[in-house]
Protein backbone atom coordinates (compact mmCIF):
# COMPACT_ATOMS: atom_id res chain seq x y z
CA UNK A 1 20.29 29.22 -82.15
CA UNK A 2 22.64 30.11 -84.99
CA UNK A 3 22.31 27.75 -87.94
CA UNK A 4 25.86 26.46 -88.26
CA UNK A 5 26.86 23.66 -90.56
CA UNK A 6 26.48 20.11 -89.36
CA UNK A 7 30.24 19.76 -88.96
CA UNK A 8 30.19 22.42 -86.23
CA UNK A 9 27.67 20.46 -84.15
CA UNK A 10 29.54 17.21 -84.75
CA UNK A 11 32.79 18.76 -83.63
CA UNK A 12 31.42 20.43 -80.48
CA UNK A 13 29.21 17.59 -79.27
CA UNK A 14 31.52 14.86 -80.55
CA UNK A 15 34.41 16.20 -78.55
CA UNK A 16 33.09 14.76 -75.28
CA UNK A 17 32.99 11.10 -76.44
CA UNK A 18 36.32 11.58 -78.17
CA UNK A 19 37.94 12.80 -74.97
CA UNK A 20 36.35 9.93 -73.02
CA UNK A 21 38.10 7.57 -75.45
CA UNK A 22 41.39 9.35 -74.69
CA UNK A 23 40.82 8.74 -70.98
CA UNK A 24 40.18 5.09 -71.68
CA UNK A 25 43.47 4.71 -73.57
CA UNK A 26 45.97 7.10 -71.95
CA UNK A 27 46.92 7.95 -68.36
CA UNK A 28 44.56 10.60 -66.95
CA UNK A 29 46.89 13.59 -67.12
CA UNK A 30 48.01 12.87 -70.66
CA UNK A 31 44.38 12.36 -71.76
CA UNK A 32 43.34 15.60 -70.09
CA UNK A 33 46.14 17.59 -71.73
CA UNK A 34 45.34 16.24 -75.19
CA UNK A 35 41.59 16.74 -74.75
CA UNK A 36 41.79 20.15 -73.20
CA UNK A 37 44.51 21.79 -75.31
CA UNK A 38 43.28 20.02 -78.46
CA UNK A 39 39.77 21.34 -77.90
CA UNK A 40 41.02 24.88 -77.47
CA UNK A 41 43.18 24.68 -80.59
CA UNK A 42 40.85 22.98 -83.08
CA UNK A 43 37.18 23.22 -82.12
CA UNK A 44 35.13 25.80 -84.00
CA UNK A 45 34.60 29.37 -82.75
CA UNK A 46 30.85 28.89 -82.34
CA UNK A 47 28.46 29.51 -79.46
CA UNK A 48 25.39 27.35 -79.05
CA UNK A 49 22.87 29.07 -76.74
CA UNK A 50 20.29 27.19 -74.67
CA UNK A 51 17.64 28.06 -72.10
CA UNK A 52 18.59 27.93 -68.42
CA UNK A 53 22.05 26.46 -69.00
CA UNK A 54 25.35 28.12 -70.01
CA UNK A 55 26.12 28.58 -73.70
CA UNK A 56 28.10 25.71 -75.18
CA UNK A 57 31.29 26.56 -77.02
CA UNK A 58 34.90 25.51 -77.39
CA UNK A 59 35.58 27.30 -74.10
CA UNK A 60 33.30 24.94 -72.23
CA UNK A 61 33.35 21.77 -74.34
CA UNK A 62 36.88 20.83 -73.37
CA UNK A 63 36.21 21.50 -69.68
CA UNK A 64 33.03 19.41 -69.63
CA UNK A 65 34.75 16.56 -71.45
CA UNK A 66 37.77 16.50 -69.13
CA UNK A 67 35.68 16.76 -65.95
CA UNK A 68 33.47 13.89 -67.15
CA UNK A 69 36.50 11.85 -68.12
CA UNK A 70 37.95 12.43 -64.63
CA UNK A 71 34.75 11.40 -62.90
CA UNK A 72 34.55 8.15 -64.86
CA UNK A 73 38.20 7.12 -65.23
CA UNK A 74 40.10 8.87 -62.39
CA UNK A 75 37.61 9.69 -59.62
CA UNK A 76 40.28 9.48 -56.94
CA UNK A 77 41.86 12.66 -58.37
CA UNK A 78 38.71 14.54 -57.36
CA UNK A 79 39.37 13.55 -53.73
CA UNK A 80 42.82 15.17 -53.82
CA UNK A 81 41.30 18.62 -54.00
CA UNK A 82 41.43 20.58 -50.74
CA UNK A 83 40.09 24.18 -50.72
CA UNK A 84 42.81 26.61 -49.63
CA UNK A 85 43.02 30.30 -48.93
CA UNK A 86 44.45 31.02 -52.41
CA UNK A 87 41.24 29.69 -54.00
CA UNK A 88 39.32 32.58 -52.49
CA UNK A 89 39.72 35.03 -55.46
CA UNK A 90 38.38 32.44 -57.88
CA UNK A 91 35.51 31.64 -55.52
CA UNK A 92 34.62 35.35 -55.25
CA UNK A 93 34.78 35.76 -59.01
CA UNK A 94 32.41 32.81 -59.53
CA UNK A 95 29.81 33.76 -56.92
CA UNK A 96 29.85 37.58 -57.21
CA UNK A 97 27.48 37.56 -60.24
CA UNK A 98 24.73 36.33 -57.91
CA UNK A 99 24.95 39.48 -55.80
CA UNK A 100 25.25 41.55 -58.97
CA UNK A 101 21.88 40.24 -60.13
CA UNK A 102 20.27 40.92 -56.77
CA UNK A 103 21.74 44.43 -56.66
CA UNK A 104 20.28 45.19 -60.07
CA UNK A 105 16.85 43.74 -59.32
CA UNK A 106 17.29 40.87 -61.79
CA UNK A 107 16.39 38.24 -59.24
CA UNK A 108 17.92 35.09 -57.77
CA UNK A 109 17.19 32.98 -60.85
CA UNK A 110 19.31 35.23 -63.04
CA UNK A 111 21.97 35.33 -60.36
CA UNK A 112 22.12 31.54 -60.18
CA UNK A 113 22.35 31.29 -63.94
CA UNK A 114 25.17 33.85 -64.02
CA UNK A 115 27.09 31.90 -61.36
CA UNK A 116 26.78 28.66 -63.35
CA UNK A 117 28.00 30.49 -66.44
CA UNK A 118 31.03 31.86 -64.60
CA UNK A 119 31.86 28.46 -63.14
CA UNK A 120 31.68 26.89 -66.61
CA UNK A 121 34.06 29.48 -68.11
CA UNK A 122 36.49 29.99 -65.21
CA UNK A 123 35.82 27.62 -62.33
CA UNK A 124 36.09 24.29 -64.13
CA UNK A 125 39.44 24.99 -65.88
CA UNK A 126 40.83 26.30 -62.62
CA UNK A 127 39.62 23.21 -60.75
CA UNK A 128 41.16 20.93 -63.35
CA UNK A 129 44.43 22.79 -62.95
CA UNK A 130 44.31 22.32 -59.20
CA UNK A 131 43.85 18.56 -59.30
CA UNK A 132 46.00 17.67 -62.33
CA UNK A 133 48.98 20.01 -61.80
CA UNK A 134 49.72 20.01 -58.02
CA UNK A 135 53.52 20.03 -58.28
CA UNK A 136 56.60 20.91 -60.33
CA UNK A 137 56.59 17.62 -62.21
CA UNK A 138 53.02 17.95 -63.42
CA UNK A 139 53.49 21.62 -64.36
CA UNK A 140 56.45 20.53 -66.51
CA UNK A 141 53.96 18.29 -68.32
CA UNK A 142 51.69 21.31 -68.86
CA UNK A 143 54.60 23.30 -70.23
CA UNK A 144 55.42 20.47 -72.64
CA UNK A 145 51.74 20.30 -73.67
CA UNK A 146 51.73 24.02 -74.53
CA UNK A 147 54.99 23.61 -76.42
CA UNK A 148 53.60 20.77 -78.51
CA UNK A 149 50.41 22.71 -79.17
CA UNK A 150 52.20 25.82 -80.37
CA UNK A 151 54.56 23.70 -82.49
CA UNK A 152 51.56 22.13 -84.20
CA UNK A 153 50.15 25.60 -84.87
CA UNK A 154 53.34 26.75 -86.59
CA UNK A 155 52.69 25.31 -90.09
CA UNK A 156 49.05 26.35 -89.85
CA UNK A 157 50.10 29.91 -89.07
CA UNK A 158 52.51 29.95 -92.01
CA UNK A 159 49.78 28.59 -94.32
CA UNK A 160 47.43 31.39 -93.33
CA UNK A 161 50.10 34.07 -93.58
CA UNK A 162 50.66 32.95 -97.15
CA UNK A 163 47.12 32.22 -98.31
CA UNK A 164 45.08 34.32 -95.82
CA UNK A 165 43.10 32.99 -92.80
CA UNK A 166 40.97 30.30 -94.45
CA UNK A 167 41.35 27.13 -92.36
CA UNK A 168 38.34 27.78 -90.10
CA UNK A 169 36.16 28.67 -93.08
CA UNK A 170 37.37 25.65 -95.05
CA UNK A 171 36.56 23.23 -92.23
CA UNK A 172 33.57 24.82 -90.48
CA UNK A 173 32.08 26.99 -93.21
CA UNK A 174 32.42 30.53 -91.79
CA UNK A 175 34.94 33.12 -90.72
CA UNK A 176 35.25 33.43 -86.95
CA UNK A 177 35.86 37.19 -87.09
CA UNK A 178 35.96 40.22 -89.36
CA UNK A 179 38.33 39.33 -92.19
CA UNK A 180 39.52 42.97 -92.44
CA UNK A 181 41.17 42.62 -89.04
CA UNK A 182 43.54 39.98 -90.43
CA UNK A 183 45.17 42.56 -92.73
CA UNK A 184 48.28 43.83 -90.90
CA UNK A 185 51.66 45.17 -91.95
CA UNK A 186 51.26 44.35 -95.63
CA UNK A 187 50.17 40.75 -95.04
CA UNK A 188 47.82 38.47 -93.19
CA UNK A 189 47.61 37.86 -89.43
CA UNK A 190 46.72 34.18 -88.86
CA UNK A 191 43.58 33.22 -86.91
CA UNK A 192 43.75 29.42 -87.46
CA UNK A 193 40.94 28.07 -85.21
CA UNK A 194 40.94 30.76 -82.50
CA UNK A 195 38.68 33.75 -82.13
CA UNK A 196 41.11 36.36 -83.44
CA UNK A 197 44.65 36.81 -84.62
CA UNK A 198 45.49 38.47 -81.29
CA UNK A 199 44.48 35.27 -79.51
CA UNK A 200 46.79 33.30 -81.80
CA UNK A 201 49.66 35.70 -81.05
CA UNK A 202 49.18 35.33 -77.28
CA UNK A 203 48.97 31.57 -77.58
CA UNK A 204 52.21 31.45 -79.58
CA UNK A 205 53.79 33.84 -77.06
CA UNK A 206 53.12 31.28 -74.37
CA UNK A 207 54.90 28.54 -76.28
CA UNK A 208 57.81 30.79 -77.18
CA UNK A 209 58.38 31.97 -73.63
CA UNK A 210 58.10 28.47 -72.11
CA UNK A 211 60.29 26.98 -74.83
CA UNK A 212 63.06 29.55 -74.42
CA UNK A 213 63.17 29.12 -70.66
CA UNK A 214 63.05 25.30 -70.70
CA UNK A 215 65.76 25.22 -73.41
CA UNK A 216 68.03 27.53 -71.47
CA UNK A 217 67.50 25.55 -68.23
CA UNK A 218 68.30 22.20 -69.93
CA UNK A 219 64.94 20.71 -68.94
CA UNK A 220 65.01 18.25 -71.86
CA UNK A 221 66.77 17.70 -75.17
CA UNK A 222 63.99 16.24 -77.33
CA UNK A 223 60.20 16.46 -77.43
CA UNK A 224 58.03 14.08 -79.46
CA UNK A 225 61.23 12.97 -81.09
CA UNK A 226 62.21 16.50 -82.25
CA UNK A 227 65.35 18.20 -80.83
CA UNK A 228 64.63 21.18 -78.63
CA UNK A 229 67.03 23.31 -80.69
CA UNK A 230 64.63 22.84 -83.61
CA UNK A 231 61.38 23.25 -81.70
CA UNK A 232 62.07 26.51 -79.90
CA UNK A 233 63.47 28.54 -82.85
CA UNK A 234 60.55 27.35 -84.98
CA UNK A 235 58.02 28.56 -82.42
CA UNK A 236 59.84 31.84 -81.74
CA UNK A 237 60.18 32.65 -85.47
CA UNK A 238 56.50 31.94 -86.06
CA UNK A 239 55.55 34.13 -83.11
CA UNK A 240 57.66 37.01 -84.40
CA UNK A 241 55.90 37.04 -87.78
CA UNK A 242 52.30 36.74 -86.46
CA UNK A 243 51.94 40.51 -86.97
CA UNK A 244 50.89 41.45 -83.47
CA UNK A 245 52.82 44.43 -82.17
CA UNK A 246 51.46 44.21 -78.63
CA UNK A 247 52.16 40.48 -78.58
CA UNK A 248 55.79 41.05 -79.57
CA UNK A 249 56.26 43.69 -76.88
CA UNK A 250 54.83 41.32 -74.28
CA UNK A 251 57.11 38.49 -75.44
CA UNK A 252 60.21 40.68 -75.26
CA UNK A 253 59.15 41.93 -71.81
CA UNK A 254 58.70 38.34 -70.60
CA UNK A 255 62.12 37.30 -71.95
CA UNK A 256 63.72 40.31 -70.28
CA UNK A 257 62.12 39.36 -66.96
CA UNK A 258 63.30 35.76 -66.97
CA UNK A 259 66.81 36.71 -68.13
CA UNK A 260 67.03 39.23 -65.31
CA UNK A 261 66.04 36.52 -62.86
CA UNK A 262 68.50 34.00 -64.30
CA UNK A 263 71.53 36.27 -64.69
CA UNK A 264 71.19 38.72 -61.81
CA UNK A 265 68.56 37.18 -59.47
CA UNK A 266 66.85 40.53 -59.95
CA UNK A 267 63.03 40.55 -59.64
CA UNK A 268 62.56 44.23 -60.50
CA UNK A 269 61.54 43.66 -64.21
CA UNK A 270 59.01 41.04 -63.11
CA UNK A 271 57.66 43.31 -60.41
CA UNK A 272 57.38 46.13 -62.91
CA UNK A 273 55.35 43.90 -65.22
CA UNK A 274 53.27 42.73 -62.28
CA UNK A 275 52.25 46.31 -61.48
CA UNK A 276 51.35 47.33 -65.03
CA UNK A 277 47.79 45.99 -65.07
CA UNK A 278 46.69 46.99 -61.55
CA UNK A 279 48.20 50.48 -61.97
CA UNK A 280 46.60 50.97 -65.37
CA UNK A 281 43.16 49.87 -64.13
CA UNK A 282 43.38 52.11 -61.08
CA UNK A 283 44.38 55.29 -62.88
CA UNK A 284 41.84 54.72 -65.64
CA UNK A 285 38.86 53.99 -63.35
CA UNK A 286 39.77 56.84 -60.98
CA UNK A 287 39.91 59.35 -63.82
CA UNK A 288 43.51 60.35 -62.98
CA UNK A 289 44.59 59.78 -66.58
CA UNK A 290 42.42 60.66 -69.57
CA UNK A 291 44.72 58.90 -72.06
CA UNK A 292 45.68 61.90 -74.25
CA UNK A 293 49.37 61.70 -73.30
CA UNK A 294 49.46 57.97 -74.11
CA UNK A 295 47.79 58.55 -77.46
CA UNK A 296 50.39 61.13 -78.45
CA UNK A 297 53.17 58.83 -77.29
CA UNK A 298 51.85 55.95 -79.43
CA UNK A 299 51.56 58.34 -82.39
CA UNK A 300 55.22 59.42 -82.02
CA UNK A 301 56.51 55.86 -81.53
CA UNK A 302 54.39 53.62 -83.77
CA UNK A 303 52.77 55.92 -86.31
CA UNK A 304 49.22 57.11 -87.10
CA UNK A 305 47.61 53.69 -87.77
CA UNK A 306 48.46 52.28 -84.30
CA UNK A 307 47.68 55.64 -82.69
CA UNK A 308 44.18 55.75 -84.22
CA UNK A 309 43.41 52.23 -83.01
CA UNK A 310 44.71 53.08 -79.55
CA UNK A 311 42.71 56.34 -79.44
CA UNK A 312 39.51 54.49 -80.25
CA UNK A 313 40.22 52.09 -77.36
CA UNK A 314 41.04 54.87 -74.90
CA UNK A 315 37.91 56.91 -75.79
CA UNK A 316 35.79 53.82 -75.40
CA UNK A 317 37.29 53.05 -71.97
CA UNK A 318 36.51 56.61 -70.82
CA UNK A 319 32.83 56.16 -71.65
CA UNK A 320 32.58 52.60 -70.36
CA UNK A 321 34.32 53.48 -67.11
CA UNK A 322 31.83 56.30 -66.51
CA UNK A 323 29.00 53.86 -67.13
CA UNK A 324 30.53 51.25 -64.82
CA UNK A 325 30.96 53.80 -62.01
CA UNK A 326 27.19 54.16 -61.87
CA UNK A 327 27.21 50.66 -60.33
CA UNK A 328 30.77 50.61 -58.90
CA UNK A 329 30.81 47.62 -56.56
CA UNK A 330 28.89 44.79 -58.25
CA UNK A 331 28.45 46.13 -61.78
CA UNK A 332 25.50 46.00 -64.17
CA UNK A 333 25.29 42.27 -64.76
CA UNK A 334 24.56 40.57 -68.06
CA UNK A 335 22.39 41.41 -71.09
CA UNK A 336 24.74 44.24 -72.24
CA UNK A 337 23.54 46.53 -69.43
CA UNK A 338 27.13 47.74 -69.05
CA UNK A 339 27.33 49.02 -72.64
CA UNK A 340 27.08 52.62 -73.86
CA UNK A 341 24.37 52.81 -76.52
CA UNK A 342 22.95 55.46 -78.85
CA UNK A 343 19.36 56.55 -79.23
CA UNK A 344 18.71 53.50 -81.44
CA UNK A 345 19.96 51.08 -78.80
CA UNK A 346 23.19 50.22 -80.69
CA UNK A 347 26.65 50.22 -79.15
CA UNK A 348 28.30 53.63 -79.33
CA UNK A 349 31.72 52.20 -78.50
CA UNK A 350 33.46 48.86 -78.73
CA UNK A 351 34.20 46.91 -75.53
CA UNK A 352 37.61 45.32 -76.09
CA UNK A 353 39.51 44.80 -72.87
CA UNK A 354 38.57 42.03 -70.47
CA UNK A 355 39.21 44.36 -67.56
CA UNK A 356 36.71 47.01 -68.62
CA UNK A 357 34.17 44.31 -69.52
CA UNK A 358 34.57 42.78 -66.05
CA UNK A 359 34.36 46.18 -64.34
CA UNK A 360 31.16 46.98 -66.17
CA UNK A 361 29.45 43.66 -65.60
CA UNK A 362 30.82 42.59 -62.19
CA UNK A 363 32.01 45.86 -60.68
CA UNK A 364 35.07 46.46 -58.55
CA UNK A 365 34.52 43.25 -56.60
CA UNK A 366 34.66 41.14 -59.75
CA UNK A 367 37.59 43.08 -61.20
CA UNK A 368 39.66 42.69 -58.01
CA UNK A 369 38.85 38.97 -57.91
CA UNK A 370 39.85 38.56 -61.58
CA UNK A 371 43.15 40.40 -61.03
CA UNK A 372 43.97 38.40 -57.90
CA UNK A 373 43.08 35.10 -59.59
CA UNK A 374 45.52 35.78 -62.43
CA UNK A 375 48.38 37.39 -60.54
CA UNK A 376 48.36 35.68 -57.15
CA UNK A 377 49.72 32.35 -58.49
CA UNK A 378 52.94 34.11 -59.58
CA UNK A 379 53.61 35.31 -56.06
CA UNK A 380 52.78 31.88 -54.69
CA UNK A 381 55.41 30.30 -56.94
CA UNK A 382 57.90 32.97 -55.85
CA UNK A 383 57.11 32.32 -52.16
CA UNK A 384 57.57 28.56 -52.55
CA UNK A 385 60.67 28.63 -54.74
CA UNK A 386 63.40 31.31 -54.42
CA UNK A 387 64.28 33.09 -57.64
CA UNK A 388 67.78 31.57 -57.75
CA UNK A 389 66.21 28.17 -58.43
CA UNK A 390 63.77 29.32 -61.14
CA UNK A 391 66.08 27.96 -63.81
CA UNK A 392 66.29 24.50 -62.24
CA UNK A 393 65.39 22.01 -64.99
CA UNK A 394 62.44 20.68 -63.02
CA UNK A 395 61.10 24.14 -62.12
CA UNK A 396 61.65 26.04 -65.37
CA UNK A 397 58.21 25.31 -66.81
CA UNK A 398 56.54 26.49 -63.63
CA UNK A 399 58.53 29.73 -63.50
CA UNK A 400 57.87 30.41 -67.18
CA UNK A 401 54.13 29.88 -66.62
CA UNK A 402 54.31 32.28 -63.65
CA UNK A 403 55.79 35.01 -65.89
CA UNK A 404 53.28 34.18 -68.63
CA UNK A 405 50.29 34.81 -66.31
CA UNK A 406 51.64 38.31 -65.63
CA UNK A 407 51.85 38.95 -69.37
CA UNK A 408 48.35 37.49 -69.76
CA UNK A 409 47.01 40.04 -67.23
CA UNK A 410 48.58 42.85 -69.24
CA UNK A 411 47.03 41.43 -72.38
CA UNK A 412 43.65 41.54 -70.62
CA UNK A 413 43.96 45.31 -70.60
CA UNK A 414 43.91 45.37 -74.38
CA UNK A 415 41.87 42.31 -75.31
CA UNK A 416 38.92 40.34 -73.98
CA UNK A 417 39.74 36.84 -75.27
CA UNK A 418 39.74 34.07 -72.72
CA UNK A 419 42.41 31.39 -72.99
CA UNK A 420 41.27 28.38 -70.90
CA UNK A 421 44.77 26.87 -70.99
CA UNK A 422 46.04 29.86 -69.07
CA UNK A 423 43.20 29.41 -66.53
CA UNK A 424 44.36 25.81 -66.22
CA UNK A 425 47.82 27.11 -65.40
CA UNK A 426 46.35 29.47 -62.78
CA UNK A 427 44.89 26.55 -60.87
CA UNK A 428 48.11 24.55 -61.05
CA UNK A 429 50.40 27.41 -60.00
CA UNK A 430 48.16 28.46 -57.15
CA UNK A 431 48.36 25.04 -55.53
CA UNK A 432 51.88 24.05 -56.47
CA UNK A 433 53.90 21.94 -54.04
CA UNK A 434 53.42 23.61 -50.64
CA UNK A 435 56.54 21.90 -49.20
CA UNK A 436 58.98 22.73 -52.02
CA UNK A 437 60.65 25.68 -50.29
CA UNK A 438 62.04 23.44 -47.52
CA UNK A 439 63.23 20.78 -49.96
CA UNK A 440 64.83 23.39 -52.22
CA UNK A 441 66.79 24.62 -49.22
CA UNK A 442 67.93 21.08 -48.61
CA UNK A 443 69.10 20.83 -52.23
CA UNK A 444 70.93 24.14 -51.83
CA UNK A 445 73.15 22.56 -49.17
CA UNK A 446 74.77 20.35 -51.83
CA UNK A 447 77.38 22.69 -53.38
CA UNK A 448 79.05 19.90 -55.36
CA UNK A 449 76.05 19.77 -57.71
CA UNK A 450 74.58 23.21 -58.48
CA UNK A 451 70.99 22.49 -59.42
CA UNK A 452 70.64 25.46 -61.74
CA UNK A 453 73.48 24.39 -64.06
CA UNK A 454 72.06 23.27 -67.44
CA UNK A 455 72.85 19.67 -68.21
CA UNK A 456 73.40 18.64 -64.58
CA UNK A 457 71.13 16.07 -63.03
CA UNK A 458 68.42 17.94 -61.07
CA UNK A 459 67.79 17.01 -57.46
CA UNK A 460 64.71 15.11 -56.46
CA UNK A 461 61.64 17.28 -56.26
CA UNK A 462 58.46 16.25 -54.42
CA UNK A 463 56.26 13.91 -56.40
CA UNK A 464 52.96 13.21 -54.60
CA UNK A 465 51.60 9.74 -55.17
CA UNK A 466 48.47 11.08 -56.80
CA UNK A 467 50.54 13.16 -59.22
CA UNK A 468 52.78 10.23 -60.14
CA UNK A 469 49.79 8.01 -60.76
CA UNK A 470 48.13 10.65 -62.97
CA UNK A 471 51.21 11.38 -65.02
CA UNK A 472 51.62 9.99 -68.46
CA UNK A 473 54.91 11.79 -69.08
CA UNK A 474 58.43 11.33 -67.73
CA UNK A 475 59.74 13.99 -65.39
CA UNK A 476 63.13 15.30 -66.61
CA UNK A 477 66.04 13.40 -65.09
């Protein structure tokens, strides 16, 4: 086990009792949001490894704490969970490592351990999303939680852009990543308390996209006492200066998609974004595209520095794909068996993207399950709420999260940094309000009060009793 400072152990192990105190004081959903998002934002980037149980980190600490708090203080929420067909991709993703271990001769023990690890990282946040965010009201609460979290990060980002990324080192005693990677565009790219500056950029993208959409829809006028016209520009400005080119492109693409839906009821930009990740993964794994054309295009558009970084990524993917195709269906499993190494056993290439990491470790089965788990919730939201109502004040947060998941899947092509809050959203969006389509049609029959007009009083949306009891926030009226 790595010898971290005492404050690291206190933070990671002390988070569970702290979250239990939150559950004792606040309504369950509010306690869960504070405990889960707060853990992701402020716990140290440290991994404590143990024998026979999953590694303990900020990715799992918040999930364990919130599950335990639910069991003790809100056990009836556990009974609201009903497995449905749309949970199948997540189920396959969680259990496929067992068959991977058997296929590679690693044995049932290793397979069981790998399944437990996958459940801890993916299954628990997804499950929490399913039981805490079952409808439009609760997903509005999640959107507000992300907005508050990104707003809190704004001054911390500005501090690190001015004085360099030092907050994690100052509090926990070490840098969470290579400091050289924070040097971008003549300044510093903030890391705050996340794994990398790219993770910060994607986190801020989420807040910016949700904030813009909820502001335009008139979902609310103030949040934690601050006017929305102050909150959203602050988050957007901070996001723009986080020095992540890919993050900015994703943000602009997401804004273009929601504006197209709002102004023209046109889903084509969203569908185009939806197809980016599956198309890219198919052409890269099939060998149809070597990447040379894309490298030259990046060179012409963004200059030699970005082109060199992109070329390293593409060359690595070529080698890693070839390695993965030696075990195409279930992958190589754990213990870095998917890596390409030199004669000294060291990595020859860097494994960056989550998609190529999943393809190498879990094979095509795991990669398909991952893609379906992330993208399917967007189509479910679309199926249960027509696009012309996506800017309804009570639905805006849900529709923004649906677009955000598509952007997150594209980001998974480039980076391999899990964001458990997005997994939380996956669970909520997948199970959102099965009866909303019928009720939205009923609302549409009231022409005297167009429900998409900002500032008008939204119609009543379904509010299950369990969701109302769990909520610690007011649904916009």
